[in-house]
Amino acid sequence: MVQTLMDAYRDKTGDEDAQPQISGGATFARTMNNCVAFGAMLPSTPDYMHQTNEQWSVADFNKAMDIYAEAVKRLCVD
């Protein structure tokens, strides 16, 4: 699953050097079997996560949606 998610990310971004990241934050993934958290935080995106005035550019949001769509397709259709 992780390899499929990483392949979708790499193919959509061209970032062949990207590696899976771990977070100290809690996610719902820890409550489910065979599940991982997957977020498309781009290297160029300023990290305002969970801060006052949390924000994300529309371009980065659209890129993330493209990555998510590809990941879902690969996990559920291919």
Protein backbone atom coordinates (compact mmCIF):
# COMPACT_ATOMS: atom_id res chain seq x y z
CA MET A 1 0.00 0.00 0.00
CA VAL A 2 2.74 2.45 0.94
CA GLN A 3 4.64 1.68 -2.26
CA THR A 4 1.49 2.33 -4.33
CA LEU A 5 0.89 5.64 -2.58
CA MET A 6 4.51 6.69 -3.03
CA ASP A 7 4.44 5.70 -6.70
CA ALA A 8 1.33 7.85 -7.24
CA TYR A 9 3.00 10.79 -5.48
CA ARG A 10 6.26 10.39 -7.40
CA ASP A 11 4.54 10.01 -10.77
CA LYS A 12 2.36 13.08 -10.26
CA THR A 13 5.11 15.31 -8.85
CA GLY A 14 8.20 14.02 -10.62
CA ASP A 15 9.91 13.89 -7.22
CA GLU A 16 11.80 10.60 -7.53
CA ASP A 17 13.75 11.26 -4.33
CA ALA A 18 10.66 11.50 -2.10
CA GLN A 19 10.59 9.08 0.83
CA PRO A 20 7.69 8.14 3.12
CA GLN A 21 7.49 10.38 6.17
CA ILE A 22 6.28 9.68 9.66
CA SER A 23 4.52 12.15 11.90
CA GLY A 24 4.35 12.46 15.64
CA GLY A 25 0.76 13.61 15.30
CA ALA A 26 -2.18 11.30 15.87
CA THR A 27 -4.24 10.15 12.89
CA PHE A 28 -7.31 7.97 12.50
CA ALA A 29 -5.07 5.49 10.65
CA ARG A 30 -3.83 4.17 13.98
CA THR A 31 -7.34 2.96 14.86
CA MET A 32 -7.76 0.82 11.73
CA ASN A 33 -6.08 -2.33 10.49
CA ASN A 34 -4.06 -2.22 7.26
CA CYS A 35 -4.30 1.55 7.04
CA VAL A 36 -1.80 4.36 6.71
CA ALA A 37 -2.21 8.11 6.78
CA PHE A 38 -1.48 9.70 3.41
CA GLY A 39 -1.07 13.41 2.90
CA ALA A 40 0.36 15.23 -0.04
CA MET A 41 2.21 18.01 1.72
CA LEU A 42 4.43 19.31 -1.04
CA PRO A 43 8.04 20.30 -0.29
CA SER A 44 7.33 23.84 -1.49
CA THR A 45 4.23 24.27 0.69
CA PRO A 46 4.68 26.38 3.83
CA ASP A 47 3.56 24.32 6.83
CA TYR A 48 0.73 26.11 8.62
CA MET A 49 -0.91 22.84 9.68
CA HIS A 50 -3.15 23.20 12.75
CA GLN A 51 -2.06 26.79 13.30
CA THR A 52 -4.03 30.01 13.45
CA ASN A 53 -5.03 30.99 9.90
CA GLU A 54 -4.13 27.55 8.54
CA GLN A 55 -3.85 27.93 4.78
CA TRP A 56 -2.81 26.22 1.59
CA SER A 57 -2.47 27.65 -1.89
CA VAL A 58 -5.13 26.70 -4.44
CA ALA A 59 -2.40 25.38 -6.75
CA ASP A 60 -1.04 23.07 -4.04
CA PHE A 61 -4.58 21.99 -3.12
CA ASN A 62 -5.30 21.11 -6.75
CA LYS A 63 -2.02 19.21 -7.04
CA ALA A 64 -2.88 17.26 -3.88
CA MET A 65 -6.31 16.36 -5.29
CA ASP A 66 -4.61 15.09 -8.45
CA ILE A 67 -2.28 12.94 -6.34
CA TYR A 68 -5.16 11.62 -4.21
CA ALA A 69 -7.24 10.75 -7.29
CA GLU A 70 -4.32 8.83 -8.77
CA ALA A 71 -3.69 7.03 -5.48
CA VAL A 72 -7.35 6.00 -5.13
CA LYS A 73 -7.41 4.80 -8.74
CA ARG A 74 -4.32 2.67 -8.21
CA LEU A 75 -5.56 1.21 -4.93
CA CYS A 76 -9.15 0.56 -5.99
CA VAL A 77 -9.24 0.13 -9.78
CA ASP A 78 -5.89 -0.94 -11.17
